[in-house]
Amino acid sequence: MNVSEAVRLKVERHAGKVGRSSGPAPELVRKTFGHIKLVDQRINIRDIEAVLNAVLLKDSIRNSLLFGYTVSLTILLVNVATTDLILSAASGFVMTRIMTIGNNIAFVFHGFCGRFGSELCFQGHSFILHCLVHCVLLTVISFAYRLFVLRRPPPKPIFLWLSIIAIYIPSFVMFYTYLYALEKDPSIIEGLKKQRNNIDWENLAHGFTISVFTFTVAGCCNYLFLIATVGCFTVIIIRRKAHAILLTASQSLSPSTKRVHKTLMKALAMQASLPFLMYIADLIFTSIYLFGIKSSPMENSVFLITTLPPALSPIMYIYYVRPYRKGLLEWISKFTRILLLNVASTDLLCSAASGFVMTRIMTIDNHLGFIFPGPCRYFGEKICFWGHSFMLMVLAHCVVLTVISFAYRLFVLRHPPPSQRLLWLSIFLGFLPSFVMFYTYLYALESDPTVTNDLKNQRSDIIWDSYTHAFTITAFSPTVAGCCTYLGVLTTAAIATVLIIRRKAQKILTNASESLSPSTKQLHKTLMKALAVQASLPFLMYIADLMFTSIYLFEIKSSPVESSVFLITTFPPALSPILYIYYVRPYRKRPTGMDQKMYRIQESTTSNLCRRDGFELLKNLSCHRTLTGK
């Protein structure tokens, strides 16, 4: 057995693709699945999902060492993952909106770089451009590598390093020259600002380039467009050739390797289509310049579209490559189970966001007014309003997770625990409406100075200049009305659902208590107390909704009442971990030394409770946590 076959068998056994009876594959298949099956499917252009890329980078290096991948493949993989990770950080730091004014290119930077000055933002934007180009070229090299190893042995590491350096040099030259394209003439800058007087230039980090007909700007723009065009069509041609080779080889494959072959071809087809989004972004920018389009959505969409390929590519990578999919789940399970992780993370984010904004809400003439006494006031009213919107999203998700948690408890009393995929899917579907609400509510901020001044005059009892504040557009608009209605309906439905589920779970546990020993009866009593207390938490959210409705309908103008609306909503995420610690002994008292013995006894008791009544809940501590935690 040669090295290539040994690597293939080791990888496929780990992925669960090869059975005991699978015979040796042809040399062509050994090269294909031995060298590129797992890791070389991940080709990105730009990745906002920095954390996901960091996890993939860690797992890629680990699997490269574990399964004996060639050094050349490891080099390519680390370059792609590192470029994506750096690009993710830079993209989130800058957040560019691009526009054309006359023969100049203008940028508005919405990212955190605005705190450090417009010049640093422009440098960050130039860095992003050169990373985007390098990612496209790495895409071409990766697909070329796939085609190369189908016909020949893997290339030497020195050859791959030289290829990567050779394609990076033009990108670095573009980055260096583009730094000198920043317009610094005050008279020209003022003239450009007057041509787009609908933009608040004074409060936004911005920058302008010199004329697009200069060598610096024209050269960089043409180079970007040329690379995107050539990269797209090169990837399509290479993918077609690789598809033809693999299709010919599939006739001699075993059923297990045919399934791997089918998965590989799906991944190739999906990844080959991603660079076209980069090409679409180039076409939109060209249209903005040629036709003089002045549309904020189109100007923001240029760099927004470039975030889609890297956001989709890691997801496809984890979905199609089973070892990485399993590795990510194992990495998560090292800390806690899925549901507990989501509940704890959401409670933590909700508490942090609440302390960051500390919202006081009021109604003024069909508008909502907010005062933010929290630390967000040091960053401006827009950051405070975004933080408030984020807090609403997290609160809604807390309610959804409460329902999922109680539904999970009832489910495991009657059936085996659901699969991790089903649980993740339920959490994602529960989060999606809350995220849509958050995204739409961001556009509810009132920006008309005339309207805001009129609203301030109606509440002359408040010294507005002493507070960071914000107002929404009218409450009858689809954005505000939809968000308020969603929160009210969600809270009401959640309370009714939790009460129904809790009653059914209590009935099942009561029927089971007849056959319990005294120790397990005591545990059963504790579990019922925990269910009763946790079922009451969503009522606090409902009370907050009723208070806000009263403020709006009866025009209550009382500072304590207005401040108490969001103060009450902070109680559920604050009380939830206290209930965990109080009712679940392993969390209340860490099992060390002598406590470990008692901890194992309680695990055994809880497990016996689950098995004795035929529930088949989670094993040991997981069963206990399922019944007493979220």
Foldseek 3Di string as FASTA:
>chain_A
DDPLQQLLVVQCVLLVLDDPPFDDADPLLSLQRSACLAQLLFAALEALPLVLLVLVLVVLVVVCVVSVHDPQSNVLRNVRSVLRNVRNVLCQQFLWQWADFDQKIKIWTPHVCVVVALLVSQLSVLVNLLSSLLSLVSLLVSLVQSLVSSPDPHDDNVVSVVSSVVSSVVSVVLSVLLSVFWDDDVVVVVVRCVSVVVDPPVPTRMTMGPGCPDCNNVVSLVVQLVSLVVSLVSLVVSLVVSVVSLVVSLVRGDPSVVVSSVLVNVSSVVLSPLSVLLNVLSVLRVCCVPVVDDDRVSSSVSVVSSNVRNHVSSVSSLVSRSVNVVVVLVVVPVVHDDLVVVLLVLLVLLLVLCQQFLWQWADFPQKIKIFGPHVCVVVALLSNQLSVLVNLLSLLLNLQSLLVLLVQLLDLQADERDDPVVVVVSSVVSSVVSVVLSVLLSVFWDDDVVVVVVRCVRPVVDPPVVTRMTMGPGCPDCNNVVSLVVLQVSLVVSLVSLVVSLVVSLVSLVVLLVPDDPVVVVLSVLLNVLSVVLSCLSVLLNVLSVLRVCCVPVVDDDRVSSSVSVVSSSVNSVCQVVQVLVRQPCNVDPQDDPSVVVLQVQQVSLQCSCVVSPSNYDHRVNSVCSSNHD
